[in-house]
Amino acid sequence: STLMHIIGCLDKPSSGEYILGGKA
C-alpha cells in the first residue's frame, strides 16, 4: 500500500528516484 501511495503521488519517498510519465 505504501508503494501504491508513492506511485500515485499520494506520498513521497524518503530516498530514491521516481519518474512518472518522463518527469522526476
PDBML (XML) file of the C-alpha atoms, coordinates in Angstrom:
<?xml version="1.0" encoding="UTF-8" ?>
<PDBx:datablock datablockName="MODEL"
   xmlns:PDBx="http://pdbml.pdb.org/schema/pdbx-v50.xsd"
   xmlns:xsi="http://www.w3.org/2001/XMLSchema-instance"
   xsi:schemaLocation="http://pdbml.pdb.org/schema/pdbx-v50.xsd pdbx-v50.xsd">
   <PDBx:atom_siteCategory>
      <PDBx:atom_site id="1">
         <PDBx:B_iso_or_equiv>0.00</PDBx:B_iso_or_equiv>
         <PDBx:Cartn_x>0.000</PDBx:Cartn_x>
         <PDBx:Cartn_y>0.000</PDBx:Cartn_y>
         <PDBx:Cartn_z>0.000</PDBx:Cartn_z>
         <PDBx:auth_asym_id>A</PDBx:auth_asym_id>
         <PDBx:auth_atom_id>CA</PDBx:auth_atom_id>
         <PDBx:auth_comp_id>SER</PDBx:auth_comp_id>
         <PDBx:auth_seq_id>1</PDBx:auth_seq_id>
         <PDBx:group_PDB>ATOM</PDBx:group_PDB>
         <PDBx:label_alt_id xsi:nil="true" />
         <PDBx:label_asym_id>A</PDBx:label_asym_id>
         <PDBx:label_atom_id>CA</PDBx:label_atom_id>
         <PDBx:label_comp_id>SER</PDBx:label_comp_id>
         <PDBx:label_entity_id>1</PDBx:label_entity_id>
         <PDBx:label_seq_id>1</PDBx:label_seq_id>
         <PDBx:occupancy>1.00</PDBx:occupancy>
         <PDBx:pdbx_PDB_model_num>1</PDBx:pdbx_PDB_model_num>
         <PDBx:type_symbol>C</PDBx:type_symbol>
      </PDBx:atom_site>
      <PDBx:atom_site id="2">
         <PDBx:B_iso_or_equiv>0.00</PDBx:B_iso_or_equiv>
         <PDBx:Cartn_x>2.916</PDBx:Cartn_x>
         <PDBx:Cartn_y>2.366</PDBx:Cartn_y>
         <PDBx:Cartn_z>0.708</PDBx:Cartn_z>
         <PDBx:auth_asym_id>A</PDBx:auth_asym_id>
         <PDBx:auth_atom_id>CA</PDBx:auth_atom_id>
         <PDBx:auth_comp_id>THR</PDBx:auth_comp_id>
         <PDBx:auth_seq_id>2</PDBx:auth_seq_id>
         <PDBx:group_PDB>ATOM</PDBx:group_PDB>
         <PDBx:label_alt_id xsi:nil="true" />
         <PDBx:label_asym_id>A</PDBx:label_asym_id>
         <PDBx:label_atom_id>CA</PDBx:label_atom_id>
         <PDBx:label_comp_id>THR</PDBx:label_comp_id>
         <PDBx:label_entity_id>1</PDBx:label_entity_id>
         <PDBx:label_seq_id>2</PDBx:label_seq_id>
         <PDBx:occupancy>1.00</PDBx:occupancy>
         <PDBx:pdbx_PDB_model_num>1</PDBx:pdbx_PDB_model_num>
         <PDBx:type_symbol>C</PDBx:type_symbol>
      </PDBx:atom_site>
      <PDBx:atom_site id="3">
         <PDBx:B_iso_or_equiv>0.00</PDBx:B_iso_or_equiv>
         <PDBx:Cartn_x>4.220</PDBx:Cartn_x>
         <PDBx:Cartn_y>1.531</PDBx:Cartn_y>
         <PDBx:Cartn_z>-2.750</PDBx:Cartn_z>
         <PDBx:auth_asym_id>A</PDBx:auth_asym_id>
         <PDBx:auth_atom_id>CA</PDBx:auth_atom_id>
         <PDBx:auth_comp_id>LEU</PDBx:auth_comp_id>
         <PDBx:auth_seq_id>3</PDBx:auth_seq_id>
         <PDBx:group_PDB>ATOM</PDBx:group_PDB>
         <PDBx:label_alt_id xsi:nil="true" />
         <PDBx:label_asym_id>A</PDBx:label_asym_id>
         <PDBx:label_atom_id>CA</PDBx:label_atom_id>
         <PDBx:label_comp_id>LEU</PDBx:label_comp_id>
         <PDBx:label_entity_id>1</PDBx:label_entity_id>
         <PDBx:label_seq_id>3</PDBx:label_seq_id>
         <PDBx:occupancy>1.00</PDBx:occupancy>
         <PDBx:pdbx_PDB_model_num>1</PDBx:pdbx_PDB_model_num>
         <PDBx:type_symbol>C</PDBx:type_symbol>
      </PDBx:atom_site>
      <PDBx:atom_site id="4">
         <PDBx:B_iso_or_equiv>0.00</PDBx:B_iso_or_equiv>
         <PDBx:Cartn_x>0.851</PDBx:Cartn_x>
         <PDBx:Cartn_y>2.368</PDBx:Cartn_y>
         <PDBx:Cartn_z>-4.315</PDBx:Cartn_z>
         <PDBx:auth_asym_id>A</PDBx:auth_asym_id>
         <PDBx:auth_atom_id>CA</PDBx:auth_atom_id>
         <PDBx:auth_comp_id>MET</PDBx:auth_comp_id>
         <PDBx:auth_seq_id>4</PDBx:auth_seq_id>
         <PDBx:group_PDB>ATOM</PDBx:group_PDB>
         <PDBx:label_alt_id xsi:nil="true" />
         <PDBx:label_asym_id>A</PDBx:label_asym_id>
         <PDBx:label_atom_id>CA</PDBx:label_atom_id>
         <PDBx:label_comp_id>MET</PDBx:label_comp_id>
         <PDBx:label_entity_id>1</PDBx:label_entity_id>
         <PDBx:label_seq_id>4</PDBx:label_seq_id>
         <PDBx:occupancy>1.00</PDBx:occupancy>
         <PDBx:pdbx_PDB_model_num>1</PDBx:pdbx_PDB_model_num>
         <PDBx:type_symbol>C</PDBx:type_symbol>
      </PDBx:atom_site>
      <PDBx:atom_site id="5">
         <PDBx:B_iso_or_equiv>0.00</PDBx:B_iso_or_equiv>
         <PDBx:Cartn_x>0.700</PDBx:Cartn_x>
         <PDBx:Cartn_y>5.696</PDBx:Cartn_y>
         <PDBx:Cartn_z>-2.458</PDBx:Cartn_z>
         <PDBx:auth_asym_id>A</PDBx:auth_asym_id>
         <PDBx:auth_atom_id>CA</PDBx:auth_atom_id>
         <PDBx:auth_comp_id>HIS</PDBx:auth_comp_id>
         <PDBx:auth_seq_id>5</PDBx:auth_seq_id>
         <PDBx:group_PDB>ATOM</PDBx:group_PDB>
         <PDBx:label_alt_id xsi:nil="true" />
         <PDBx:label_asym_id>A</PDBx:label_asym_id>
         <PDBx:label_atom_id>CA</PDBx:label_atom_id>
         <PDBx:label_comp_id>HIS</PDBx:label_comp_id>
         <PDBx:label_entity_id>1</PDBx:label_entity_id>
         <PDBx:label_seq_id>5</PDBx:label_seq_id>
         <PDBx:occupancy>1.00</PDBx:occupancy>
         <PDBx:pdbx_PDB_model_num>1</PDBx:pdbx_PDB_model_num>
         <PDBx:type_symbol>C</PDBx:type_symbol>
      </PDBx:atom_site>
      <PDBx:atom_site id="6">
         <PDBx:B_iso_or_equiv>0.00</PDBx:B_iso_or_equiv>
         <PDBx:Cartn_x>4.095</PDBx:Cartn_x>
         <PDBx:Cartn_y>6.641</PDBx:Cartn_y>
         <PDBx:Cartn_z>-3.862</PDBx:Cartn_z>
         <PDBx:auth_asym_id>A</PDBx:auth_asym_id>
         <PDBx:auth_atom_id>CA</PDBx:auth_atom_id>
         <PDBx:auth_comp_id>ILE</PDBx:auth_comp_id>
         <PDBx:auth_seq_id>6</PDBx:auth_seq_id>
         <PDBx:group_PDB>ATOM</PDBx:group_PDB>
         <PDBx:label_alt_id xsi:nil="true" />
         <PDBx:label_asym_id>A</PDBx:label_asym_id>
         <PDBx:label_atom_id>CA</PDBx:label_atom_id>
         <PDBx:label_comp_id>ILE</PDBx:label_comp_id>
         <PDBx:label_entity_id>1</PDBx:label_entity_id>
         <PDBx:label_seq_id>6</PDBx:label_seq_id>
         <PDBx:occupancy>1.00</PDBx:occupancy>
         <PDBx:pdbx_PDB_model_num>1</PDBx:pdbx_PDB_model_num>
         <PDBx:type_symbol>C</PDBx:type_symbol>
      </PDBx:atom_site>
      <PDBx:atom_site id="7">
         <PDBx:B_iso_or_equiv>0.00</PDBx:B_iso_or_equiv>
         <PDBx:Cartn_x>3.201</PDBx:Cartn_x>
         <PDBx:Cartn_y>5.507</PDBx:Cartn_y>
         <PDBx:Cartn_z>-7.394</PDBx:Cartn_z>
         <PDBx:auth_asym_id>A</PDBx:auth_asym_id>
         <PDBx:auth_atom_id>CA</PDBx:auth_atom_id>
         <PDBx:auth_comp_id>ILE</PDBx:auth_comp_id>
         <PDBx:auth_seq_id>7</PDBx:auth_seq_id>
         <PDBx:group_PDB>ATOM</PDBx:group_PDB>
         <PDBx:label_alt_id xsi:nil="true" />
         <PDBx:label_asym_id>A</PDBx:label_asym_id>
         <PDBx:label_atom_id>CA</PDBx:label_atom_id>
         <PDBx:label_comp_id>ILE</PDBx:label_comp_id>
         <PDBx:label_entity_id>1</PDBx:label_entity_id>
         <PDBx:label_seq_id>7</PDBx:label_seq_id>
         <PDBx:occupancy>1.00</PDBx:occupancy>
         <PDBx:pdbx_PDB_model_num>1</PDBx:pdbx_PDB_model_num>
         <PDBx:type_symbol>C</PDBx:type_symbol>
      </PDBx:atom_site>
      <PDBx:atom_site id="8">
         <PDBx:B_iso_or_equiv>0.00</PDBx:B_iso_or_equiv>
         <PDBx:Cartn_x>0.016</PDBx:Cartn_x>
         <PDBx:Cartn_y>7.597</PDBx:Cartn_y>
         <PDBx:Cartn_z>-7.159</PDBx:Cartn_z>
         <PDBx:auth_asym_id>A</PDBx:auth_asym_id>
         <PDBx:auth_atom_id>CA</PDBx:auth_atom_id>
         <PDBx:auth_comp_id>GLY</PDBx:auth_comp_id>
         <PDBx:auth_seq_id>8</PDBx:auth_seq_id>
         <PDBx:group_PDB>ATOM</PDBx:group_PDB>
         <PDBx:label_alt_id xsi:nil="true" />
         <PDBx:label_asym_id>A</PDBx:label_asym_id>
         <PDBx:label_atom_id>CA</PDBx:label_atom_id>
         <PDBx:label_comp_id>GLY</PDBx:label_comp_id>
         <PDBx:label_entity_id>1</PDBx:label_entity_id>
         <PDBx:label_seq_id>8</PDBx:label_seq_id>
         <PDBx:occupancy>1.00</PDBx:occupancy>
         <PDBx:pdbx_PDB_model_num>1</PDBx:pdbx_PDB_model_num>
         <PDBx:type_symbol>C</PDBx:type_symbol>
      </PDBx:atom_site>
      <PDBx:atom_site id="9">
         <PDBx:B_iso_or_equiv>0.00</PDBx:B_iso_or_equiv>
         <PDBx:Cartn_x>1.849</PDBx:Cartn_x>
         <PDBx:Cartn_y>10.659</PDBx:Cartn_y>
         <PDBx:Cartn_z>-5.780</PDBx:Cartn_z>
         <PDBx:auth_asym_id>A</PDBx:auth_asym_id>
         <PDBx:auth_atom_id>CA</PDBx:auth_atom_id>
         <PDBx:auth_comp_id>CYS</PDBx:auth_comp_id>
         <PDBx:auth_seq_id>9</PDBx:auth_seq_id>
         <PDBx:group_PDB>ATOM</PDBx:group_PDB>
         <PDBx:label_alt_id xsi:nil="true" />
         <PDBx:label_asym_id>A</PDBx:label_asym_id>
         <PDBx:label_atom_id>CA</PDBx:label_atom_id>
         <PDBx:label_comp_id>CYS</PDBx:label_comp_id>
         <PDBx:label_entity_id>1</PDBx:label_entity_id>
         <PDBx:label_seq_id>9</PDBx:label_seq_id>
         <PDBx:occupancy>1.00</PDBx:occupancy>
         <PDBx:pdbx_PDB_model_num>1</PDBx:pdbx_PDB_model_num>
         <PDBx:type_symbol>C</PDBx:type_symbol>
      </PDBx:atom_site>
      <PDBx:atom_site id="10">
         <PDBx:B_iso_or_equiv>0.00</PDBx:B_iso_or_equiv>
         <PDBx:Cartn_x>-0.150</PDBx:Cartn_x>
         <PDBx:Cartn_y>10.486</PDBx:Cartn_y>
         <PDBx:Cartn_z>-2.544</PDBx:Cartn_z>
         <PDBx:auth_asym_id>A</PDBx:auth_asym_id>
         <PDBx:auth_atom_id>CA</PDBx:auth_atom_id>
         <PDBx:auth_comp_id>LEU</PDBx:auth_comp_id>
         <PDBx:auth_seq_id>10</PDBx:auth_seq_id>
         <PDBx:group_PDB>ATOM</PDBx:group_PDB>
         <PDBx:label_alt_id xsi:nil="true" />
         <PDBx:label_asym_id>A</PDBx:label_asym_id>
         <PDBx:label_atom_id>CA</PDBx:label_atom_id>
         <PDBx:label_comp_id>LEU</PDBx:label_comp_id>
         <PDBx:label_entity_id>1</PDBx:label_entity_id>
         <PDBx:label_seq_id>10</PDBx:label_seq_id>
         <PDBx:occupancy>1.00</PDBx:occupancy>
         <PDBx:pdbx_PDB_model_num>1</PDBx:pdbx_PDB_model_num>
         <PDBx:type_symbol>C</PDBx:type_symbol>
      </PDBx:atom_site>
      <PDBx:atom_site id="11">
         <PDBx:B_iso_or_equiv>0.00</PDBx:B_iso_or_equiv>
         <PDBx:Cartn_x>3.135</PDBx:Cartn_x>
         <PDBx:Cartn_y>10.237</PDBx:Cartn_y>
         <PDBx:Cartn_z>-0.644</PDBx:Cartn_z>
         <PDBx:auth_asym_id>A</PDBx:auth_asym_id>
         <PDBx:auth_atom_id>CA</PDBx:auth_atom_id>
         <PDBx:auth_comp_id>ASP</PDBx:auth_comp_id>
         <PDBx:auth_seq_id>11</PDBx:auth_seq_id>
         <PDBx:group_PDB>ATOM</PDBx:group_PDB>
         <PDBx:label_alt_id xsi:nil="true" />
         <PDBx:label_asym_id>A</PDBx:label_asym_id>
         <PDBx:label_atom_id>CA</PDBx:label_atom_id>
         <PDBx:label_comp_id>ASP</PDBx:label_comp_id>
         <PDBx:label_entity_id>1</PDBx:label_entity_id>
         <PDBx:label_seq_id>11</PDBx:label_seq_id>
         <PDBx:occupancy>1.00</PDBx:occupancy>
         <PDBx:pdbx_PDB_model_num>1</PDBx:pdbx_PDB_model_num>
         <PDBx:type_symbol>C</PDBx:type_symbol>
      </PDBx:atom_site>
      <PDBx:atom_site id="12">
         <PDBx:B_iso_or_equiv>0.00</PDBx:B_iso_or_equiv>
         <PDBx:Cartn_x>6.812</PDBx:Cartn_x>
         <PDBx:Cartn_y>10.959</PDBx:Cartn_y>
         <PDBx:Cartn_z>-1.297</PDBx:Cartn_z>
         <PDBx:auth_asym_id>A</PDBx:auth_asym_id>
         <PDBx:auth_atom_id>CA</PDBx:auth_atom_id>
         <PDBx:auth_comp_id>LYS</PDBx:auth_comp_id>
         <PDBx:auth_seq_id>12</PDBx:auth_seq_id>
         <PDBx:group_PDB>ATOM</PDBx:group_PDB>
         <PDBx:label_alt_id xsi:nil="true" />
         <PDBx:label_asym_id>A</PDBx:label_asym_id>
         <PDBx:label_atom_id>CA</PDBx:label_atom_id>
         <PDBx:label_comp_id>LYS</PDBx:label_comp_id>
         <PDBx:label_entity_id>1</PDBx:label_entity_id>
         <PDBx:label_seq_id>12</PDBx:label_seq_id>
         <PDBx:occupancy>1.00</PDBx:occupancy>
         <PDBx:pdbx_PDB_model_num>1</PDBx:pdbx_PDB_model_num>
         <PDBx:type_symbol>C</PDBx:type_symbol>
      </PDBx:atom_site>
      <PDBx:atom_site id="13">
         <PDBx:B_iso_or_equiv>0.00</PDBx:B_iso_or_equiv>
         <PDBx:Cartn_x>9.711</PDBx:Cartn_x>
         <PDBx:Cartn_y>8.538</PDBx:Cartn_y>
         <PDBx:Cartn_z>-0.896</PDBx:Cartn_z>
         <PDBx:auth_asym_id>A</PDBx:auth_asym_id>
         <PDBx:auth_atom_id>CA</PDBx:auth_atom_id>
         <PDBx:auth_comp_id>PRO</PDBx:auth_comp_id>
         <PDBx:auth_seq_id>13</PDBx:auth_seq_id>
         <PDBx:group_PDB>ATOM</PDBx:group_PDB>
         <PDBx:label_alt_id xsi:nil="true" />
         <PDBx:label_asym_id>A</PDBx:label_asym_id>
         <PDBx:label_atom_id>CA</PDBx:label_atom_id>
         <PDBx:label_comp_id>PRO</PDBx:label_comp_id>
         <PDBx:label_entity_id>1</PDBx:label_entity_id>
         <PDBx:label_seq_id>13</PDBx:label_seq_id>
         <PDBx:occupancy>1.00</PDBx:occupancy>
         <PDBx:pdbx_PDB_model_num>1</PDBx:pdbx_PDB_model_num>
         <PDBx:type_symbol>C</PDBx:type_symbol>
      </PDBx:atom_site>
      <PDBx:atom_site id="14">
         <PDBx:B_iso_or_equiv>0.00</PDBx:B_iso_or_equiv>
         <PDBx:Cartn_x>12.340</PDBx:Cartn_x>
         <PDBx:Cartn_y>9.069</PDBx:Cartn_y>
         <PDBx:Cartn_z>1.764</PDBx:Cartn_z>
         <PDBx:auth_asym_id>A</PDBx:auth_asym_id>
         <PDBx:auth_atom_id>CA</PDBx:auth_atom_id>
         <PDBx:auth_comp_id>SER</PDBx:auth_comp_id>
         <PDBx:auth_seq_id>14</PDBx:auth_seq_id>
         <PDBx:group_PDB>ATOM</PDBx:group_PDB>
         <PDBx:label_alt_id xsi:nil="true" />
         <PDBx:label_asym_id>A</PDBx:label_asym_id>
         <PDBx:label_atom_id>CA</PDBx:label_atom_id>
         <PDBx:label_comp_id>SER</PDBx:label_comp_id>
         <PDBx:label_entity_id>1</PDBx:label_entity_id>
         <PDBx:label_seq_id>14</PDBx:label_seq_id>
         <PDBx:occupancy>1.00</PDBx:occupancy>
         <PDBx:pdbx_PDB_model_num>1</PDBx:pdbx_PDB_model_num>
         <PDBx:type_symbol>C</PDBx:type_symbol>
      </PDBx:atom_site>
      <PDBx:atom_site id="15">
         <PDBx:B_iso_or_equiv>0.00</PDBx:B_iso_or_equiv>
         <PDBx:Cartn_x>15.011</PDBx:Cartn_x>
         <PDBx:Cartn_y>8.393</PDBx:Cartn_y>
         <PDBx:Cartn_z>-0.852</PDBx:Cartn_z>
         <PDBx:auth_asym_id>A</PDBx:auth_asym_id>
         <PDBx:auth_atom_id>CA</PDBx:auth_atom_id>
         <PDBx:auth_comp_id>SER</PDBx:auth_comp_id>
         <PDBx:auth_seq_id>15</PDBx:auth_seq_id>
         <PDBx:group_PDB>ATOM</PDBx:group_PDB>
         <PDBx:label_alt_id xsi:nil="true" />
         <PDBx:label_asym_id>A</PDBx:label_asym_id>
         <PDBx:label_atom_id>CA</PDBx:label_atom_id>
         <PDBx:label_comp_id>SER</PDBx:label_comp_id>
         <PDBx:label_entity_id>1</PDBx:label_entity_id>
         <PDBx:label_seq_id>15</PDBx:label_seq_id>
         <PDBx:occupancy>1.00</PDBx:occupancy>
         <PDBx:pdbx_PDB_model_num>1</PDBx:pdbx_PDB_model_num>
         <PDBx:type_symbol>C</PDBx:type_symbol>
      </PDBx:atom_site>
      <PDBx:atom_site id="16">
         <PDBx:B_iso_or_equiv>0.00</PDBx:B_iso_or_equiv>
         <PDBx:Cartn_x>15.347</PDBx:Cartn_x>
         <PDBx:Cartn_y>7.199</PDBx:Cartn_y>
         <PDBx:Cartn_z>-4.431</PDBx:Cartn_z>
         <PDBx:auth_asym_id>A</PDBx:auth_asym_id>
         <PDBx:auth_atom_id>CA</PDBx:auth_atom_id>
         <PDBx:auth_comp_id>GLY</PDBx:auth_comp_id>
         <PDBx:auth_seq_id>16</PDBx:auth_seq_id>
         <PDBx:group_PDB>ATOM</PDBx:group_PDB>
         <PDBx:label_alt_id xsi:nil="true" />
         <PDBx:label_asym_id>A</PDBx:label_asym_id>
         <PDBx:label_atom_id>CA</PDBx:label_atom_id>
         <PDBx:label_comp_id>GLY</PDBx:label_comp_id>
         <PDBx:label_entity_id>1</PDBx:label_entity_id>
         <PDBx:label_seq_id>16</PDBx:label_seq_id>
         <PDBx:occupancy>1.00</PDBx:occupancy>
         <PDBx:pdbx_PDB_model_num>1</PDBx:pdbx_PDB_model_num>
         <PDBx:type_symbol>C</PDBx:type_symbol>
      </PDBx:atom_site>
      <PDBx:atom_site id="17">
         <PDBx:B_iso_or_equiv>0.00</PDBx:B_iso_or_equiv>
         <PDBx:Cartn_x>14.131</PDBx:Cartn_x>
         <PDBx:Cartn_y>8.445</PDBx:Cartn_y>
         <PDBx:Cartn_z>-7.796</PDBx:Cartn_z>
         <PDBx:auth_asym_id>A</PDBx:auth_asym_id>
         <PDBx:auth_atom_id>CA</PDBx:auth_atom_id>
         <PDBx:auth_comp_id>GLU</PDBx:auth_comp_id>
         <PDBx:auth_seq_id>17</PDBx:auth_seq_id>
         <PDBx:group_PDB>ATOM</PDBx:group_PDB>
         <PDBx:label_alt_id xsi:nil="true" />
         <PDBx:label_asym_id>A</PDBx:label_asym_id>
         <PDBx:label_atom_id>CA</PDBx:label_atom_id>
         <PDBx:label_comp_id>GLU</PDBx:label_comp_id>
         <PDBx:label_entity_id>1</PDBx:label_entity_id>
         <PDBx:label_seq_id>17</PDBx:label_seq_id>
         <PDBx:occupancy>1.00</PDBx:occupancy>
         <PDBx:pdbx_PDB_model_num>1</PDBx:pdbx_PDB_model_num>
         <PDBx:type_symbol>C</PDBx:type_symbol>
      </PDBx:atom_site>
      <PDBx:atom_site id="18">
         <PDBx:B_iso_or_equiv>0.00</PDBx:B_iso_or_equiv>
         <PDBx:Cartn_x>10.579</PDBx:Cartn_x>
         <PDBx:Cartn_y>8.225</PDBx:Cartn_y>
         <PDBx:Cartn_z>-9.152</PDBx:Cartn_z>
         <PDBx:auth_asym_id>A</PDBx:auth_asym_id>
         <PDBx:auth_atom_id>CA</PDBx:auth_atom_id>
         <PDBx:auth_comp_id>TYR</PDBx:auth_comp_id>
         <PDBx:auth_seq_id>18</PDBx:auth_seq_id>
         <PDBx:group_PDB>ATOM</PDBx:group_PDB>
         <PDBx:label_alt_id xsi:nil="true" />
         <PDBx:label_asym_id>A</PDBx:label_asym_id>
         <PDBx:label_atom_id>CA</PDBx:label_atom_id>
         <PDBx:label_comp_id>TYR</PDBx:label_comp_id>
         <PDBx:label_entity_id>1</PDBx:label_entity_id>
         <PDBx:label_seq_id>18</PDBx:label_seq_id>
         <PDBx:occupancy>1.00</PDBx:occupancy>
         <PDBx:pdbx_PDB_model_num>1</PDBx:pdbx_PDB_model_num>
         <PDBx:type_symbol>C</PDBx:type_symbol>
      </PDBx:atom_site>
      <PDBx:atom_site id="19">
         <PDBx:B_iso_or_equiv>0.00</PDBx:B_iso_or_equiv>
         <PDBx:Cartn_x>9.981</PDBx:Cartn_x>
         <PDBx:Cartn_y>9.106</PDBx:Cartn_y>
         <PDBx:Cartn_z>-12.800</PDBx:Cartn_z>
         <PDBx:auth_asym_id>A</PDBx:auth_asym_id>
         <PDBx:auth_atom_id>CA</PDBx:auth_atom_id>
         <PDBx:auth_comp_id>ILE</PDBx:auth_comp_id>
         <PDBx:auth_seq_id>19</PDBx:auth_seq_id>
         <PDBx:group_PDB>ATOM</PDBx:group_PDB>
         <PDBx:label_alt_id xsi:nil="true" />
         <PDBx:label_asym_id>A</PDBx:label_asym_id>
         <PDBx:label_atom_id>CA</PDBx:label_atom_id>
         <PDBx:label_comp_id>ILE</PDBx:label_comp_id>
         <PDBx:label_entity_id>1</PDBx:label_entity_id>
         <PDBx:label_seq_id>19</PDBx:label_seq_id>
         <PDBx:occupancy>1.00</PDBx:occupancy>
         <PDBx:pdbx_PDB_model_num>1</PDBx:pdbx_PDB_model_num>
         <PDBx:type_symbol>C</PDBx:type_symbol>
      </PDBx:atom_site>
      <PDBx:atom_site id="20">
         <PDBx:B_iso_or_equiv>0.00</PDBx:B_iso_or_equiv>
         <PDBx:Cartn_x>6.316</PDBx:Cartn_x>
         <PDBx:Cartn_y>9.332</PDBx:Cartn_y>
         <PDBx:Cartn_z>-13.797</PDBx:Cartn_z>
         <PDBx:auth_asym_id>A</PDBx:auth_asym_id>
         <PDBx:auth_atom_id>CA</PDBx:auth_atom_id>
         <PDBx:auth_comp_id>LEU</PDBx:auth_comp_id>
         <PDBx:auth_seq_id>20</PDBx:auth_seq_id>
         <PDBx:group_PDB>ATOM</PDBx:group_PDB>
         <PDBx:label_alt_id xsi:nil="true" />
         <PDBx:label_asym_id>A</PDBx:label_asym_id>
         <PDBx:label_atom_id>CA</PDBx:label_atom_id>
         <PDBx:label_comp_id>LEU</PDBx:label_comp_id>
         <PDBx:label_entity_id>1</PDBx:label_entity_id>
         <PDBx:label_seq_id>20</PDBx:label_seq_id>
         <PDBx:occupancy>1.00</PDBx:occupancy>
         <PDBx:pdbx_PDB_model_num>1</PDBx:pdbx_PDB_model_num>
         <PDBx:type_symbol>C</PDBx:type_symbol>
      </PDBx:atom_site>
      <PDBx:atom_site id="21">
         <PDBx:B_iso_or_equiv>0.00</PDBx:B_iso_or_equiv>
         <PDBx:Cartn_x>5.471</PDBx:Cartn_x>
         <PDBx:Cartn_y>9.960</PDBx:Cartn_y>
         <PDBx:Cartn_z>-17.435</PDBx:Cartn_z>
         <PDBx:auth_asym_id>A</PDBx:auth_asym_id>
         <PDBx:auth_atom_id>CA</PDBx:auth_atom_id>
         <PDBx:auth_comp_id>GLY</PDBx:auth_comp_id>
         <PDBx:auth_seq_id>21</PDBx:auth_seq_id>
         <PDBx:group_PDB>ATOM</PDBx:group_PDB>
         <PDBx:label_alt_id xsi:nil="true" />
         <PDBx:label_asym_id>A</PDBx:label_asym_id>
         <PDBx:label_atom_id>CA</PDBx:label_atom_id>
         <PDBx:label_comp_id>GLY</PDBx:label_comp_id>
         <PDBx:label_entity_id>1</PDBx:label_entity_id>
         <PDBx:label_seq_id>21</PDBx:label_seq_id>
         <PDBx:occupancy>1.00</PDBx:occupancy>
         <PDBx:pdbx_PDB_model_num>1</PDBx:pdbx_PDB_model_num>
         <PDBx:type_symbol>C</PDBx:type_symbol>
      </PDBx:atom_site>
      <PDBx:atom_site id="22">
         <PDBx:B_iso_or_equiv>0.00</PDBx:B_iso_or_equiv>
         <PDBx:Cartn_x>9.025</PDBx:Cartn_x>
         <PDBx:Cartn_y>11.131</PDBx:Cartn_y>
         <PDBx:Cartn_z>-18.065</PDBx:Cartn_z>
         <PDBx:auth_asym_id>A</PDBx:auth_asym_id>
         <PDBx:auth_atom_id>CA</PDBx:auth_atom_id>
         <PDBx:auth_comp_id>GLY</PDBx:auth_comp_id>
         <PDBx:auth_seq_id>22</PDBx:auth_seq_id>
         <PDBx:group_PDB>ATOM</PDBx:group_PDB>
         <PDBx:label_alt_id xsi:nil="true" />
         <PDBx:label_asym_id>A</PDBx:label_asym_id>
         <PDBx:label_atom_id>CA</PDBx:label_atom_id>
         <PDBx:label_comp_id>GLY</PDBx:label_comp_id>
         <PDBx:label_entity_id>1</PDBx:label_entity_id>
         <PDBx:label_seq_id>22</PDBx:label_seq_id>
         <PDBx:occupancy>1.00</PDBx:occupancy>
         <PDBx:pdbx_PDB_model_num>1</PDBx:pdbx_PDB_model_num>
         <PDBx:type_symbol>C</PDBx:type_symbol>
      </PDBx:atom_site>
      <PDBx:atom_site id="23">
         <PDBx:B_iso_or_equiv>0.00</PDBx:B_iso_or_equiv>
         <PDBx:Cartn_x>9.087</PDBx:Cartn_x>
         <PDBx:Cartn_y>13.588</PDBx:Cartn_y>
         <PDBx:Cartn_z>-15.123</PDBx:Cartn_z>
         <PDBx:auth_asym_id>A</PDBx:auth_asym_id>
         <PDBx:auth_atom_id>CA</PDBx:auth_atom_id>
         <PDBx:auth_comp_id>LYS</PDBx:auth_comp_id>
         <PDBx:auth_seq_id>23</PDBx:auth_seq_id>
         <PDBx:group_PDB>ATOM</PDBx:group_PDB>
         <PDBx:label_alt_id xsi:nil="true" />
         <PDBx:label_asym_id>A</PDBx:label_asym_id>
         <PDBx:label_atom_id>CA</PDBx:label_atom_id>
         <PDBx:label_comp_id>LYS</PDBx:label_comp_id>
         <PDBx:label_entity_id>1</PDBx:label_entity_id>
         <PDBx:label_seq_id>23</PDBx:label_seq_id>
         <PDBx:occupancy>1.00</PDBx:occupancy>
         <PDBx:pdbx_PDB_model_num>1</PDBx:pdbx_PDB_model_num>
         <PDBx:type_symbol>C</PDBx:type_symbol>
      </PDBx:atom_site>
      <PDBx:atom_site id="24">
         <PDBx:B_iso_or_equiv>0.00</PDBx:B_iso_or_equiv>
         <PDBx:Cartn_x>11.072</PDBx:Cartn_x>
         <PDBx:Cartn_y>13.100</PDBx:Cartn_y>
         <PDBx:Cartn_z>-11.924</PDBx:Cartn_z>
         <PDBx:auth_asym_id>A</PDBx:auth_asym_id>
         <PDBx:auth_atom_id>CA</PDBx:auth_atom_id>
         <PDBx:auth_comp_id>ALA</PDBx:auth_comp_id>
         <PDBx:auth_seq_id>24</PDBx:auth_seq_id>
         <PDBx:group_PDB>ATOM</PDBx:group_PDB>
         <PDBx:label_alt_id xsi:nil="true" />
         <PDBx:label_asym_id>A</PDBx:label_asym_id>
         <PDBx:label_atom_id>CA</PDBx:label_atom_id>
         <PDBx:label_comp_id>ALA</PDBx:label_comp_id>
         <PDBx:label_entity_id>1</PDBx:label_entity_id>
         <PDBx:label_seq_id>24</PDBx:label_seq_id>
         <PDBx:occupancy>1.00</PDBx:occupancy>
         <PDBx:pdbx_PDB_model_num>1</PDBx:pdbx_PDB_model_num>
         <PDBx:type_symbol>C</PDBx:type_symbol>
      </PDBx:atom_site>
   </PDBx:atom_siteCategory>
</PDBx:datablock>
